[in-house]
């Protein structure tokens, strides 16, 4: 039994949308719901797992530019702005911070709703750390 966490983070690397799918499910299945719930953005960055023409068109229809590299087995390759694509590390850093929470790293909860709730609580803690007063 495995689970995938899908997250959308802002420019500070703080989560704004979370989704949970089964481990064997494709990343492309969760992406439309996450993108559809977003407010307007200039750029959307994702990794190769989210490469789908329908998703790229959905992002364009919302007025944003998609920076999603194509999978290597495709004949027509899209070019990606490397400077913007390098910002994808914000999502990777978010997942790294999540792994510091033992309950999430060890998949302690057996029910998906409880696991998603634990991820949400950990995300709230990351938000409060970012905005707590240092004085």
Protein backbone atom coordinates (compact mmCIF):
# COMPACT_ATOMS: atom_id res chain seq x y z
CA UNK A 1 0.00 0.00 0.00
CA UNK A 2 1.54 3.27 -1.09
CA UNK A 3 0.35 6.81 -1.43
CA UNK A 4 1.36 9.82 -3.49
CA UNK A 5 1.07 13.32 -2.17
CA UNK A 6 0.50 15.99 -4.80
CA UNK A 7 1.15 19.56 -3.74
CA UNK A 8 1.03 23.05 -5.17
CA UNK A 9 3.34 25.52 -3.48
CA UNK A 10 3.60 29.29 -3.77
CA UNK A 11 6.71 31.31 -4.56
CA UNK A 12 7.88 30.94 -0.96
CA UNK A 13 7.63 27.14 -1.07
CA UNK A 14 4.58 27.02 1.21
CA UNK A 15 1.77 24.62 0.28
CA UNK A 16 -1.49 26.03 -1.01
CA UNK A 17 -3.15 22.89 -2.43
CA UNK A 18 -2.81 19.23 -1.41
CA UNK A 19 -4.10 16.05 -2.96
CA UNK A 20 -3.63 12.37 -2.25
CA UNK A 21 -3.77 9.51 -4.73
CA UNK A 22 -2.95 5.83 -4.72
CA UNK A 23 0.70 5.02 -5.31
CA UNK A 24 0.07 3.23 -8.59
CA UNK A 25 -2.06 6.09 -9.99
CA UNK A 26 -0.60 8.38 -12.63
CA UNK A 27 0.43 11.89 -11.64
CA UNK A 28 -1.54 13.19 -14.61
CA UNK A 29 -4.82 12.12 -12.99
CA UNK A 30 -4.49 14.45 -9.99
CA UNK A 31 -3.12 17.48 -11.83
CA UNK A 32 -6.29 18.88 -13.47
CA UNK A 33 -8.09 19.27 -10.15
CA UNK A 34 -5.08 20.98 -8.58
CA UNK A 35 -4.64 23.39 -11.49
CA UNK A 36 -8.36 24.09 -11.76
CA UNK A 37 -8.54 25.25 -8.14
CA UNK A 38 -5.69 27.75 -8.53
CA UNK A 39 -6.06 31.46 -8.88
CA UNK A 40 -4.36 33.11 -11.80
CA UNK A 41 -0.63 32.56 -12.04
CA UNK A 42 1.91 33.61 -14.64
CA UNK A 43 3.86 30.34 -14.59
CA UNK A 44 3.09 26.75 -13.62
CA UNK A 45 6.09 24.47 -13.12
CA UNK A 46 5.88 20.69 -12.83
CA UNK A 47 8.09 17.68 -13.48
CA UNK A 48 7.89 15.16 -16.33
CA UNK A 49 5.30 13.04 -14.55
CA UNK A 50 2.70 15.72 -15.25
CA UNK A 51 3.41 15.87 -18.99
CA UNK A 52 0.04 15.75 -20.72
CA UNK A 53 -1.14 17.93 -23.58
CA UNK A 54 -4.55 18.34 -21.94
CA UNK A 55 -2.91 19.70 -18.78
CA UNK A 56 -0.73 22.12 -20.76
CA UNK A 57 -3.83 23.36 -22.60
CA UNK A 58 -5.73 23.71 -19.31
CA UNK A 59 -2.91 25.84 -17.91
CA UNK A 60 -2.81 27.99 -21.07
CA UNK A 61 -6.58 28.49 -20.96
CA UNK A 62 -6.18 29.94 -17.46
CA UNK A 63 -3.70 32.51 -18.80
CA UNK A 64 -0.51 30.92 -17.46
CA UNK A 65 2.53 29.46 -19.13
CA UNK A 66 3.31 25.78 -18.51
CA UNK A 67 6.91 24.83 -17.78
CA UNK A 68 6.61 21.05 -17.92
CA UNK A 69 9.31 19.13 -19.77
CA UNK A 70 8.11 16.43 -22.12
CA UNK A 71 8.77 12.81 -21.40
CA UNK A 72 11.76 11.43 -23.23
CA UNK A 73 9.78 8.97 -25.33
CA UNK A 74 7.82 11.72 -27.13
CA UNK A 75 8.75 12.66 -30.65
CA UNK A 76 7.91 16.36 -30.30
CA UNK A 77 9.85 17.84 -27.37
CA UNK A 78 8.78 21.13 -25.73
CA UNK A 79 11.47 23.54 -24.65
CA UNK A 80 11.42 24.71 -21.05
CA UNK A 81 12.91 27.89 -19.67
CA UNK A 82 15.63 26.56 -17.34
CA UNK A 83 15.61 29.61 -15.06
CA UNK A 84 11.91 29.21 -14.35
CA UNK A 85 12.02 25.40 -14.25
CA UNK A 86 14.73 25.55 -11.59
CA UNK A 87 12.08 26.96 -9.24
CA UNK A 88 10.59 23.46 -9.08
CA UNK A 89 13.02 22.84 -6.25
CA UNK A 90 10.58 24.72 -4.00
CA UNK A 91 8.25 21.72 -4.23
CA UNK A 92 11.12 19.34 -3.56
CA UNK A 93 12.10 21.36 -0.49
CA UNK A 94 8.51 21.23 0.74
CA UNK A 95 8.50 17.43 0.51
CA UNK A 96 11.85 17.33 2.28
CA UNK A 97 10.37 19.35 5.15
CA UNK A 98 7.39 16.99 5.27
CA UNK A 99 9.73 14.05 5.76
CA UNK A 100 10.90 15.59 9.03
CA UNK A 101 7.47 14.78 10.48
CA UNK A 102 7.74 11.16 11.58
CA UNK A 103 4.04 10.42 11.22
CA UNK A 104 4.19 11.35 7.55
CA UNK A 105 7.57 9.84 6.72
CA UNK A 106 6.61 6.44 8.13
CA UNK A 107 3.02 6.52 6.79
CA UNK A 108 1.75 5.89 10.31
CA UNK A 109 -1.93 6.39 9.44
CA UNK A 110 -3.72 3.57 7.64
CA UNK A 111 -6.67 5.55 6.29
CA UNK A 112 -6.08 7.99 3.44
CA UNK A 113 -8.20 10.72 5.05
CA UNK A 114 -6.19 10.52 8.28
CA UNK A 115 -2.92 10.61 6.35
CA UNK A 116 -4.06 13.64 4.36
CA UNK A 117 -5.11 15.32 7.60
CA UNK A 118 -1.63 14.68 9.05
CA UNK A 119 -0.06 16.19 5.92
CA UNK A 120 -2.36 19.21 6.26
CA UNK A 121 -1.41 19.67 9.93
CA UNK A 122 2.28 19.46 9.07
CA UNK A 123 1.70 22.00 6.30
CA UNK A 124 0.02 24.35 8.77
CA UNK A 125 3.06 24.04 11.01
CA UNK A 126 5.28 24.99 8.07
CA UNK A 127 3.09 28.04 7.41
CA UNK A 128 3.25 29.15 11.05
CA UNK A 129 7.02 28.75 11.10
CA UNK A 130 7.28 31.00 8.06
CA UNK A 131 5.12 33.73 9.60
CA UNK A 132 5.91 33.58 13.30
CA UNK A 133 7.50 36.65 14.81
CA UNK A 134 11.24 36.55 15.41
CA UNK A 135 11.20 39.51 17.81
